[in-house]
Structures are given as C-alpha cells and as structure tokens.
PDB file of N, CA and C in Angstrom:
ATOM      1  N   MET A   1     108.082 105.292 100.225  1.00  0.00           N
ATOM      2  CA  MET A   1     106.892 105.478 100.004  1.00  0.00           C
ATOM      3  C   MET A   1     106.429 107.041 100.401  1.00  0.00           C
ATOM      4  N   GLY A   2     106.165 107.618  99.432  1.00  0.00           N
ATOM      5  CA  GLY A   2     105.526 109.175  99.918  1.00  0.00           C
ATOM      6  C   GLY A   2     104.200 108.980  99.873  1.00  0.00           C
ATOM      7  N   ARG A   3     103.484 110.336  99.989  1.00  0.00           N
ATOM      8  CA  ARG A   3     102.217 110.693  99.930  1.00  0.00           C
ATOM      9  C   ARG A   3     102.050 111.988  99.525  1.00  0.00           C
ATOM     10  N   PHE A   4     100.882 111.540  98.708  1.00  0.00           N
ATOM     11  CA  PHE A   4      99.973 113.178  97.857  1.00  0.00           C
ATOM     12  C   PHE A   4      98.986 113.347  98.614  1.00  0.00           C
ATOM     13  N   SER A   5      99.014 114.642  99.409  1.00  0.00           N
ATOM     14  CA  SER A   5      97.846 114.913  99.922  1.00  0.00           C
ATOM     15  C   SER A   5      97.244 116.220  99.055  1.00  0.00           C
ATOM     16  N   TYR A   6      95.708 116.651  99.303  1.00  0.00           N
ATOM     17  CA  TYR A   6      94.500 117.163  98.016  1.00  0.00           C
ATOM     18  C   TYR A   6      93.808 117.899  99.116  1.00  0.00           C
ATOM     19  N   SER A   7      93.609 119.481  99.293  1.00  0.00           N
ATOM     20  CA  SER A   7      93.046 119.983  99.990  1.00  0.00           C
ATOM     21  C   SER A   7      92.965 119.287 101.812  1.00  0.00           C
ATOM     22  N   SER A   8      94.374 118.383 102.299  1.00  0.00           N
ATOM     23  CA  SER A   8      94.563 118.432 103.280  1.00  0.00           C
ATOM     24  C   SER A   8      93.392 117.253 104.074  1.00  0.00           C
ATOM     25  N   GLN A   9      92.726 116.926 102.854  1.00  0.00           N
ATOM     26  CA  GLN A   9      91.246 115.590 103.501  1.00  0.00           C
ATOM     27  C   GLN A   9      91.855 114.504 102.804  1.00  0.00           C
ATOM     28  N   VAL A  10      92.387 114.276 101.328  1.00  0.00           N
ATOM     29  CA  VAL A  10      92.180 112.823 100.637  1.00  0.00           C
ATOM     30  C   VAL A  10      94.012 113.038 100.333  1.00  0.00           C
ATOM     31  N   LYS A  11      93.995 111.866 100.910  1.00  0.00           N
ATOM     32  CA  LYS A  11      95.547 111.455 100.320  1.00  0.00           C
ATOM     33  C   LYS A  11      96.235 109.987  99.986  1.00  0.00           C
ATOM     34  N   THR A  12      96.817 109.585  99.374  1.00  0.00           N
ATOM     35  CA  THR A  12      96.886 108.516  99.055  1.00  0.00           C
ATOM     36  C   THR A  12      98.748 108.329  98.866  1.00  0.00           C
ATOM     37  N   GLU A  13      99.166 106.821  99.382  1.00  0.00           N
ATOM     38  CA  GLU A  13     100.403 106.718  99.114  1.00  0.00           C
ATOM     39  C   GLU A  13     101.187 106.336  98.010  1.00  0.00           C
ATOM     40  N   VAL A  14     102.153 106.791  97.810  1.00  0.00           N
ATOM     41  CA  VAL A  14     102.702 107.032  96.434  1.00  0.00           C
ATOM     42  C   VAL A  14     104.163 106.585  96.167  1.00  0.00           C
ATOM     43  N   GLU A  15     104.700 105.710  95.759  1.00  0.00           N
ATOM     44  CA  GLU A  15     106.069 105.345  95.723  1.00  0.00           C
ATOM     45  C   GLU A  15     107.117 106.748  95.825  1.00  0.00           C
ATOM     46  N   ASP A  16     108.184 106.967  96.283  1.00  0.00           N
ATOM     47  CA  ASP A  16     108.903 108.153  96.021  1.00  0.00           C
ATOM     48  C   ASP A  16     108.767 108.431  94.204  1.00  0.00           C
ATOM     49  N   ARG A  17     109.829 107.684  94.101  1.00  0.00           N
ATOM     50  CA  ARG A  17     110.081 108.030  92.384  1.00  0.00           C
ATOM     51  C   ARG A  17     109.118 108.358  91.581  1.00  0.00           C
ATOM     52  N   ALA A  18     108.183 107.650  91.949  1.00  0.00           N
ATOM     53  CA  ALA A  18     106.927 107.855  91.078  1.00  0.00           C
ATOM     54  C   ALA A  18     106.032 109.445  91.194  1.00  0.00           C
ATOM     55  N   LEU A  19     105.600 110.040  92.637  1.00  0.00           N
ATOM     56  CA  LEU A  19     105.360 111.146  92.939  1.00  0.00           C
ATOM     57  C   LEU A  19     106.507 112.031  92.946  1.00  0.00           C
ATOM     58  N   ALA A  20     107.741 111.882  92.274  1.00  0.00           N
ATOM     59  CA  ALA A  20     108.353 112.814  92.009  1.00  0.00           C
ATOM     60  C   ALA A  20     108.218 113.259  90.418  1.00  0.00           C
ATOM     61  N   HIS A  21     107.838 112.149  90.004  1.00  0.00           N
ATOM     62  CA  HIS A  21     107.495 112.666  88.880  1.00  0.00           C
ATOM     63  C   HIS A  21     106.086 112.759  88.488  1.00  0.00           C
ATOM     64  N   LEU A  22     105.391 112.590  89.179  1.00  0.00           N
ATOM     65  CA  LEU A  22     104.017 113.076  89.198  1.00  0.00           C
ATOM     66  C   LEU A  22     103.575 114.775  89.268  1.00  0.00           C
ATOM     67  N   GLN A  23     104.877 115.172  90.435  1.00  0.00           N
ATOM     68  CA  GLN A  23     105.349 116.356  91.005  1.00  0.00           C
ATOM     69  C   GLN A  23     105.408 117.316  89.737  1.00  0.00           C
ATOM     70  N   VAL A  24     106.460 116.669  88.871  1.00  0.00           N
ATOM     71  CA  VAL A  24     106.748 117.853  87.599  1.00  0.00           C
ATOM     72  C   VAL A  24     105.616 117.602  86.716  1.00  0.00           C
ATOM     73  N   VAL A  25     104.872 116.976  86.751  1.00  0.00           N
ATOM     74  CA  VAL A  25     103.843 117.216  85.446  1.00  0.00           C
ATOM     75  C   VAL A  25     102.887 118.163  85.822  1.00  0.00           C
ATOM     76  N   MET A  26     102.460 117.708  87.264  1.00  0.00           N
ATOM     77  CA  MET A  26     101.578 118.795  87.714  1.00  0.00           C
ATOM     78  C   MET A  26     101.851 120.219  88.063  1.00  0.00           C
ATOM     79  N   GLY A  27     102.830 120.016  88.565  1.00  0.00           N
ATOM     80  CA  GLY A  27     103.595 121.606  88.381  1.00  0.00           C
ATOM     81  C   GLY A  27     103.375 122.620  87.546  1.00  0.00           C
ATOM     82  N   ASN A  28     104.271 121.422  85.954  1.00  0.00           N
ATOM     83  CA  ASN A  28     104.537 122.395  84.852  1.00  0.00           C
ATOM     84  C   ASN A  28     102.562 122.788  84.273  1.00  0.00           C
ATOM     85  N   LYS A  29     101.811 121.941  84.706  1.00  0.00           N
ATOM     86  CA  LYS A  29     100.105 121.925  83.984  1.00  0.00           C
ATOM     87  C   LYS A  29      99.389 123.424  84.827  1.00  0.00           C
ATOM     88  N   LEU A  30      99.594 122.900  85.944  1.00  0.00           N
ATOM     89  CA  LEU A  30      99.693 124.292  86.630  1.00  0.00           C
ATOM     90  C   LEU A  30     100.027 125.540  86.966  1.00  0.00           C
ATOM     91  N   ARG A  31     101.124 125.529  86.478  1.00  0.00           N
ATOM     92  CA  ARG A  31     102.425 126.880  86.169  1.00  0.00           C
ATOM     93  C   ARG A  31     101.832 127.560  84.822  1.00  0.00           C
ATOM     94  N   ARG A  32     100.742 126.555  83.860  1.00  0.00           N
ATOM     95  CA  ARG A  32     100.506 126.964  82.877  1.00  0.00           C
ATOM     96  C   ARG A  32      98.669 127.579  82.821  1.00  0.00           C
ATOM     97  N   GLY A  33      98.178 127.129  84.022  1.00  0.00           N
ATOM     98  CA  GLY A  33      96.988 127.359  84.910  1.00  0.00           C
ATOM     99  C   GLY A  33      95.993 126.630  83.961  1.00  0.00           C
ATOM    100  N   GLU A  34      96.399 125.699  83.531  1.00  0.00           N
ATOM    101  CA  GLU A  34      95.163 124.301  83.530  1.00  0.00           C
ATOM    102  C   GLU A  34      95.236 123.252  84.426  1.00  0.00           C
ATOM    103  N   SER A  35      94.149 123.268  84.366  1.00  0.00           N
ATOM    104  CA  SER A  35      93.020 121.951  85.532  1.00  0.00           C
ATOM    105  C   SER A  35      93.113 120.639  84.680  1.00  0.00           C
ATOM    106  N   PHE A  36      93.014 119.895  85.034  1.00  0.00           N
ATOM    107  CA  PHE A  36      92.918 118.054  84.782  1.00  0.00           C
ATOM    108  C   PHE A  36      92.163 117.361  86.105  1.00  0.00           C
ATOM    109  N   PHE A  37      92.504 115.999  85.858  1.00  0.00           N
ATOM    110  CA  PHE A  37      91.664 115.023  86.551  1.00  0.00           C
ATOM    111  C   PHE A  37      92.578 114.167  87.203  1.00  0.00           C
ATOM    112  N   PHE A  38      93.057 113.795  88.439  1.00  0.00           N
ATOM    113  CA  PHE A  38      94.196 112.864  88.975  1.00  0.00           C
ATOM    114  C   PHE A  38      93.628 111.867  89.375  1.00  0.00           C
ATOM    115  N   THR A  39      93.323 110.698  88.932  1.00  0.00           N
ATOM    116  CA  THR A  39      93.156 109.172  89.479  1.00  0.00           C
ATOM    117  C   THR A  39      93.888 108.296  90.111  1.00  0.00           C
ATOM    118  N   TRP A  40      93.494 107.350  90.915  1.00  0.00           N
ATOM    119  CA  TRP A  40      94.555 106.348  91.451  1.00  0.00           C
ATOM    120  C   TRP A  40      93.295 105.842  92.053  1.00  0.00           C
ATOM    121  N   ARG A  41      94.415 104.431  92.133  1.00  0.00           N
ATOM    122  CA  ARG A  41      93.496 103.188  93.467  1.00  0.00           C
ATOM    123  C   ARG A  41      93.712 103.351  94.591  1.00  0.00           C
ATOM    124  N   ASP A  42      92.325 103.426  94.918  1.00  0.00           N
ATOM    125  CA  ASP A  42      92.486 103.734  97.072  1.00  0.00           C
ATOM    126  C   ASP A  42      93.215 102.352  97.231  1.00  0.00           C
ATOM    127  N   ASP A  43      93.906 101.997  98.279  1.00  0.00           N
ATOM    128  CA  ASP A  43      94.085 101.308  98.836  1.00  0.00           C
ATOM    129  C   ASP A  43      92.602 100.538 100.137  1.00  0.00           C
ATOM    130  N   VAL A  44      92.574  98.885  99.952  1.00  0.00           N
ATOM    131  CA  VAL A  44      91.555  98.200 100.548  1.00  0.00           C
ATOM    132  C   VAL A  44      91.760  98.957 102.136  1.00  0.00           C
ATOM    133  N   SER A  45      92.161  99.205 102.807  1.00  0.00           N
ATOM    134  CA  SER A  45      92.445  99.407 104.190  1.00  0.00           C
ATOM    135  C   SER A  45      91.299 101.401 103.988  1.00  0.00           C
ATOM    136  N   VAL A  46      91.094 101.863 102.586  1.00  0.00           N
ATOM    137  CA  VAL A  46      90.213 103.038 102.982  1.00  0.00           C
ATOM    138  C   VAL A  46      89.369 102.475 102.262  1.00  0.00           C
ATOM    139  N   GLY A  47      88.828 101.320 101.948  1.00  0.00           N
ATOM    140  CA  GLY A  47      87.630 100.908 100.935  1.00  0.00           C
ATOM    141  C   GLY A  47      88.123 100.383  99.158  1.00  0.00           C
ATOM    142  N   ASP A  48      89.102 100.494  98.742  1.00  0.00           N
ATOM    143  CA  ASP A  48      89.626  99.836  97.588  1.00  0.00           C
ATOM    144  C   ASP A  48      88.575 100.718  96.777  1.00  0.00           C
ATOM    145  N   GLY A  49      88.483 100.665  95.607  1.00  0.00           N
ATOM    146  CA  GLY A  49      87.850 101.259  94.568  1.00  0.00           C
ATOM    147  C   GLY A  49      89.217 102.526  93.780  1.00  0.00           C
ATOM    148  N   ARG A  50      88.405 103.427  93.179  1.00  0.00           N
ATOM    149  CA  ARG A  50      89.080 104.295  92.586  1.00  0.00           C
ATOM    150  C   ARG A  50      89.025 105.616  92.896  1.00  0.00           C
ATOM    151  N   ARG A  51      89.961 106.773  92.948  1.00  0.00           N
ATOM    152  CA  ARG A  51      89.083 108.154  93.336  1.00  0.00           C
ATOM    153  C   ARG A  51      89.930 109.004  92.622  1.00  0.00           C
ATOM    154  N   SER A  52      89.015 110.377  92.160  1.00  0.00           N
ATOM    155  CA  SER A  52      89.797 111.163  91.014  1.00  0.00           C
ATOM    156  C   SER A  52      89.370 112.570  91.349  1.00  0.00           C
ATOM    157  N   VAL A  53      89.905 113.163  91.612  1.00  0.00           N
ATOM    158  CA  VAL A  53      90.391 114.960  92.189  1.00  0.00           C
ATOM    159  C   VAL A  53      90.476 115.632  90.978  1.00  0.00           C
ATOM    160  N   TRP A  54      89.730 116.707  91.080  1.00  0.00           N
ATOM    161  CA  TRP A  54      89.843 117.602  90.095  1.00  0.00           C
ATOM    162  C   TRP A  54      90.934 118.829  90.535  1.00  0.00           C
ATOM    163  N   ILE A  55      92.200 118.697  89.845  1.00  0.00           N
ATOM    164  CA  ILE A  55      93.402 119.664  90.316  1.00  0.00           C
ATOM    165  C   ILE A  55      93.464 120.670  89.378  1.00  0.00           C
ATOM    166  N   HIS A  56      93.455 121.788  89.571  1.00  0.00           N
ATOM    167  CA  HIS A  56      93.628 123.359  89.284  1.00  0.00           C
ATOM    168  C   HIS A  56      94.469 124.339  90.119  1.00  0.00           C
ATOM    169  N   PRO A  57      94.711 125.313  89.574  1.00  0.00           N
ATOM    170  CA  PRO A  57      95.785 126.332  89.884  1.00  0.00           C
ATOM    171  C   PRO A  57      95.266 126.429  91.345  1.00  0.00           C
ATOM    172  N   SER A  58      95.063 126.858  91.961  1.00  0.00           N
ATOM    173  CA  SER A  58      94.353 127.009  93.622  1.00  0.00           C
ATOM    174  C   SER A  58      93.803 125.927  94.032  1.00  0.00           C
ATOM    175  N   ALA A  59      94.659 124.912  94.074  1.00  0.00           N
ATOM    176  CA  ALA A  59      94.407 123.623  94.530  1.00  0.00           C
ATOM    177  C   ALA A  59      95.537 123.287  95.880  1.00  0.00           C
ATOM    178  N   ASP A  60      94.881 122.840  96.999  1.00  0.00           N
ATOM    179  CA  ASP A  60      96.132 122.977  97.925  1.00  0.00           C
ATOM    180  C   ASP A  60      96.494 121.153  98.033  1.00  0.00           C
ATOM    181  N   LEU A  61      97.724 121.423  97.202  1.00  0.00           N
ATOM    182  CA  LEU A  61      98.350 120.148  96.795  1.00  0.00           C
ATOM    183  C   LEU A  61      99.719 120.262  97.831  1.00  0.00           C
ATOM    184  N   ASP A  62      99.889 118.709  98.401  1.00  0.00           N
ATOM    185  CA  ASP A  62     101.381 118.512  99.337  1.00  0.00           C
ATOM    186  C   ASP A  62     101.897 116.943  98.914  1.00  0.00           C
ATOM    187  N   PHE A  63     103.030 117.223  98.943  1.00  0.00           N
ATOM    188  CA  PHE A  63     103.683 116.019  98.608  1.00  0.00           C
ATOM    189  C   PHE A  63     105.068 116.007  99.788  1.00  0.00           C
ATOM    190  N   LYS A  64     104.713 114.843  99.764  1.00  0.00           N
ATOM    191  CA  LYS A  64     105.658 113.905 101.112  1.00  0.00           C
ATOM    192  C   LYS A  64     106.196 112.950 100.511  1.00  0.00           C
ATOM    193  N   TYR A  65     107.652 113.030 100.798  1.00  0.00           N
ATOM    194  CA  TYR A  65     108.638 112.262 100.239  1.00  0.00           C
ATOM    195  C   TYR A  65     109.160 111.687 101.823  1.00  0.00           C
ATOM    196  N   TYR A  66     109.355 110.288 101.736  1.00  0.00           N
ATOM    197  CA  TYR A  66     110.080 109.763 102.902  1.00  0.00           C
ATOM    198  C   TYR A  66     111.456 109.196 103.072  1.00  0.00           C
ATOM    199  N   GLY A  67     111.835 109.454 101.564  1.00  0.00           N
ATOM    200  CA  GLY A  67     113.172 109.170 101.095  1.00  0.00           C
ATOM    201  C   GLY A  67     113.725 110.881 101.277  1.00  0.00           C
ATOM    202  N   SER A  68     115.379 110.451 101.742  1.00  0.00           N
ATOM    203  CA  SER A  68     115.707 112.084 101.825  1.00  0.00           C
ATOM    204  C   SER A  68     116.231 112.639  99.854  1.00  0.00           C
ATOM    205  N   ARG A  69     116.887 111.663  98.879  1.00  0.00           N
ATOM    206  CA  ARG A  69     117.224 111.868  98.069  1.00  0.00           C
ATOM    207  C   ARG A  69     116.135 111.968  96.599  1.00  0.00           C
ATOM    208  N   ALA A  70     116.656 112.699  95.982  1.00  0.00           N
ATOM    209  CA  ALA A  70     115.628 113.346  94.824  1.00  0.00           C
ATOM    210  C   ALA A  70     116.248 112.840  93.813  1.00  0.00           C
ATOM    211  N   PRO A  71     115.121 111.716  93.169  1.00  0.00           N
ATOM    212  CA  PRO A  71     115.948 110.574  91.950  1.00  0.00           C
ATOM    213  C   PRO A  71     116.265 111.628  90.566  1.00  0.00           C
ATOM    214  N   ALA A  72     116.763 110.810  90.057  1.00  0.00           N
ATOM    215  CA  ALA A  72     116.994 111.647  88.626  1.00  0.00           C
ATOM    216  C   ALA A  72     115.890 111.208  87.473  1.00  0.00           C
ATOM    217  N   MET A  73     114.961 112.020  87.248  1.00  0.00           N
ATOM    218  CA  MET A  73     113.646 112.295  86.077  1.00  0.00           C
ATOM    219  C   MET A  73     113.894 111.045  84.832  1.00  0.00           C
ATOM    220  N   ASN A  74     113.319 110.557  84.836  1.00  0.00           N
ATOM    221  CA  ASN A  74     113.057 109.773  83.315  1.00  0.00           C
ATOM    222  C   ASN A  74     112.144 110.534  82.425  1.00  0.00           C
ATOM    223  N   ARG A  75     112.489 111.110  81.383  1.00  0.00           N
ATOM    224  CA  ARG A  75     111.779 111.681  80.580  1.00  0.00           C
ATOM    225  C   ARG A  75     110.748 111.335  79.805  1.00  0.00           C
ATOM    226  N   THR A  76     111.083 110.144  79.248  1.00  0.00           N
ATOM    227  CA  THR A  76     109.823 109.388  78.861  1.00  0.00           C
ATOM    228  C   THR A  76     108.726 109.158  79.818  1.00  0.00           C
ATOM    229  N   TRP A  77     109.109 108.811  81.038  1.00  0.00           N
ATOM    230  CA  TRP A  77     108.130 108.812  81.987  1.00  0.00           C
ATOM    231  C   TRP A  77     107.440 110.151  81.668  1.00  0.00           C
ATOM    232  N   LEU A  78     108.135 110.990  81.883  1.00  0.00           N
ATOM    233  CA  LEU A  78     107.592 112.470  82.087  1.00  0.00           C
ATOM    234  C   LEU A  78     106.297 113.107  81.247  1.00  0.00           C
ATOM    235  N   GLU A  79     107.111 112.194  80.333  1.00  0.00           N
ATOM    236  CA  GLU A  79     106.327 112.555  78.598  1.00  0.00           C
ATOM    237  C   GLU A  79     105.308 111.717  78.433  1.00  0.00           C
ATOM    238  N   LYS A  80     104.904 110.652  78.920  1.00  0.00           N
ATOM    239  CA  LYS A  80     103.908 109.554  79.310  1.00  0.00           C
ATOM    240  C   LYS A  80     102.781 110.680  80.022  1.00  0.00           C
ATOM    241  N   LEU A  81     103.654 110.410  81.153  1.00  0.00           N
ATOM    242  CA  LEU A  81     102.399 111.264  82.288  1.00  0.00           C
ATOM    243  C   LEU A  81     102.132 112.545  81.868  1.00  0.00           C
ATOM    244  N   ALA A  82     102.783 113.276  80.560  1.00  0.00           N
ATOM    245  CA  ALA A  82     102.096 114.718  80.726  1.00  0.00           C
ATOM    246  C   ALA A  82     100.977 114.249  79.216  1.00  0.00           C
ATOM    247  N   TYR A  83     101.312 113.139  78.520  1.00  0.00           N
ATOM    248  CA  TYR A  83     100.232 113.059  77.765  1.00  0.00           C
ATOM    249  C   TYR A  83      98.640 112.676  78.238  1.00  0.00           C
ATOM    250  N   ALA A  84      98.901 111.718  79.628  1.00  0.00           N
ATOM    251  CA  ALA A  84      97.912 111.133  79.946  1.00  0.00           C
ATOM    252  C   ALA A  84      96.997 112.546  80.591  1.00  0.00           C
ATOM    253  N   ALA A  85      97.834 113.588  81.364  1.00  0.00           N
ATOM    254  CA  ALA A  85      97.142 114.176  81.901  1.00  0.00           C
ATOM    255  C   ALA A  85      96.454 115.537  81.021  1.00  0.00           C
ATOM    256  N   ASN A  86      97.045 115.394  79.633  1.00  0.00           N
ATOM    257  CA  ASN A  86      96.650 116.128  78.793  1.00  0.00           C
ATOM    258  C   ASN A  86      94.805 115.619  78.221  1.00  0.00           C
ATOM    259  N   SER A  87      94.872 114.478  78.526  1.00  0.00           N
ATOM    260  CA  SER A  87      94.017 113.745  77.769  1.00  0.00           C
ATOM    261  C   SER A  87      92.529 113.800  78.712  1.00  0.00           C
ATOM    262  N   THR A  88      91.562 113.556  77.713  1.00  0.00           N
ATOM    263  CA  THR A  88      89.960 113.327  78.619  1.00  0.00           C
ATOM    264  C   THR A  88      90.031 113.035  79.951  1.00  0.00           C
ATOM    265  N   SER A  89      90.965 111.315  80.482  1.00  0.00           N
ATOM    266  CA  SER A  89      90.830 110.388  81.227  1.00  0.00           C
ATOM    267  C   SER A  89      91.837 110.893  82.217  1.00  0.00           C
ATOM    268  N   GLY A  90      92.731 111.882  81.647  1.00  0.00           N
ATOM    269  CA  GLY A  90      93.256 112.752  83.065  1.00  0.00           C
ATOM    270  C   GLY A  90      94.947 111.564  83.160  1.00  0.00           C
ATOM    271  N   LEU A  91      95.383 112.497  84.175  1.00  0.00           N
ATOM    272  CA  LEU A  91      96.875 111.733  84.981  1.00  0.00           C
ATOM    273  C   LEU A  91      96.436 110.745  85.821  1.00  0.00           C
ATOM    274  N   PHE A  92      97.623 109.647  85.388  1.00  0.00           N
ATOM    275  CA  PHE A  92      96.894 108.744  86.607  1.00  0.00           C
ATOM    276  C   PHE A  92      98.596 107.772  86.845  1.00  0.00           C
ATOM    277  N   VAL A  93      98.902 107.300  87.858  1.00  0.00           N
ATOM    278  CA  VAL A  93      99.861 106.471  88.228  1.00  0.00           C
ATOM    279  C   VAL A  93     100.160 105.489  87.277  1.00  0.00           C
ATOM    280  N   MET A  94     100.819 105.520  86.671  1.00  0.00           N
ATOM    281  CA  MET A  94     101.710 104.276  85.301  1.00  0.00           C
ATOM    282  C   MET A  94     103.025 103.804  85.539  1.00  0.00           C
ATOM    283  N   SER A  95     102.715 102.798  85.486  1.00  0.00           N
ATOM    284  CA  SER A  95     104.403 101.852  85.624  1.00  0.00           C
ATOM    285  C   SER A  95     105.524 102.549  85.166  1.00  0.00           C
ATOM    286  N   GLU A  96     106.603 102.875  85.226  1.00  0.00           N
ATOM    287  CA  GLU A  96     107.682 103.173  84.582  1.00  0.00           C
ATOM    288  C   GLU A  96     108.375 102.904  83.513  1.00  0.00           C
ATOM    289  N   PRO A  97     108.475 103.187  82.638  1.00  0.00           N
ATOM    290  CA  PRO A  97     108.408 102.579  81.327  1.00  0.00           C
ATOM    291  C   PRO A  97     110.129 103.219  81.350  1.00  0.00           C
ATOM    292  N   PRO A  98     111.036 102.279  80.277  1.00  0.00           N
ATOM    293  CA  PRO A  98     112.662 102.529  79.989  1.00  0.00           C
ATOM    294  C   PRO A  98     112.419 103.878  79.431  1.00  0.00           C
ATOM    295  N   ASP A  99     113.273 104.467  79.643  1.00  0.00           N
ATOM    296  CA  ASP A  99     113.950 105.845  79.114  1.00  0.00           C
ATOM    297  C   ASP A  99     114.543 105.377  77.998  1.00  0.00           C
ATOM    298  N   GLU A 100     113.937 105.986  76.538  1.00  0.00           N
ATOM    299  CA  GLU A 100     114.216 106.019  75.519  1.00  0.00           C
ATOM    300  C   GLU A 100     115.401 106.188  75.225  1.00  0.00           C
ATOM    301  N   PRO A 101     116.396 105.266  74.458  1.00  0.00           N
ATOM    302  CA  PRO A 101     117.797 105.779  74.289  1.00  0.00           C
ATOM    303  C   PRO A 101     117.826 107.017  72.903  1.00  0.00           C
ATOM    304  N   GLY A 102     118.896 108.284  73.771  1.00  0.00           N
ATOM    305  CA  GLY A 102     118.995 109.390  73.200  1.00  0.00           C
ATOM    306  C   GLY A 102     118.470 110.862  74.555  1.00  0.00           C
ATOM    307  N   THR A 103     117.055 110.228  74.829  1.00  0.00           N
ATOM    308  CA  THR A 103     116.974 111.506  75.571  1.00  0.00           C
ATOM    309  C   THR A 103     117.425 111.949  77.207  1.00  0.00           C
ATOM    310  N   GLY A 104     117.909 110.703  77.962  1.00  0.00           N
ATOM    311  CA  GLY A 104     118.691 110.505  78.550  1.00  0.00           C
ATOM    312  C   GLY A 104     117.525 111.024  79.908  1.00  0.00           C
ATOM    313  N   THR A 105     118.377 111.560  81.059  1.00  0.00           N
ATOM    314  CA  THR A 105     117.398 111.502  82.355  1.00  0.00           C
ATOM    315  C   THR A 105     117.478 113.247  82.638  1.00  0.00           C
ATOM    316  N   ILE A 106     116.682 113.862  83.350  1.00  0.00           N
ATOM    317  CA  ILE A 106     116.924 115.215  83.615  1.00  0.00           C
ATOM    318  C   ILE A 106     116.856 114.965  85.132  1.00  0.00           C
ATOM    319  N   GLU A 107     117.727 116.326  85.499  1.00  0.00           N
ATOM    320  CA  GLU A 107     118.219 116.508  87.182  1.00  0.00           C
ATOM    321  C   GLU A 107     116.683 116.326  87.615  1.00  0.00           C
ATOM    322  N   ALA A 108     116.662 116.195  89.064  1.00  0.00           N
ATOM    323  CA  ALA A 108     115.654 115.817  90.446  1.00  0.00           C
ATOM    324  C   ALA A 108     115.429 117.393  90.560  1.00  0.00           C
ATOM    325  N   ILE A 109     114.071 117.307  90.994  1.00  0.00           N
ATOM    326  CA  ILE A 109     113.375 118.178  91.559  1.00  0.00           C
ATOM    327  C   ILE A 109     114.076 118.658  92.633  1.00  0.00           C
TER     328      ILE A 109
END
C-alpha cells in the first residue's frame, strides 16, 4: 500500500500498482501544464465520504511506495486513467482492466 500526499496536508492510501499508474498520468498532464481534479473515497477512519483536490503544475505532490519493485505499466489502464483526467469529472482511482492484446506493457517508472 502506497500513499499519495497533496500539499503535505491531504493524504490517502493507494495500492502501489495503482499509485504508479496515477503518477504517470499526473506527471504527463502536469508536464503539459494541464490542471485537473483528482477524486478518491476517504477511509472510514478519516470520516468516509469523497475528497477531491485540484491538481495544478505548482502543486506539492508526494508519492510514497512501500514496495521496492516498480511495476510494469498497463497501457490500457494508463489510457483509461488519462481519459478520466481529461474529462469534466477528473481523475479517480479505478480498477485495473486487462491489458488489450497488442498494446503490451510499458517499462516501470
């Protein structure tokens, strides 16, 4: 289980594999100077519900991984996450789809 931190005040636990895919999508958007919402469900221990943060190029983001090995990237998942990030509802954690035949995996970050 990894951790995503925003502005050193907002944190959420995210499975390492999903976090690596989110980092790639966020990094690509921010490199292009694009801002977007990122939404997740809060754990019951912090009040349950949903939280959204506005991700922008000068945002303070931290990706903490608990595993030592970087996963191979699922191109189909990256595309679906990027599509969500480009939509009006923004980026959110979604289940990993099977990688479509012929797309292959991408080297880890």
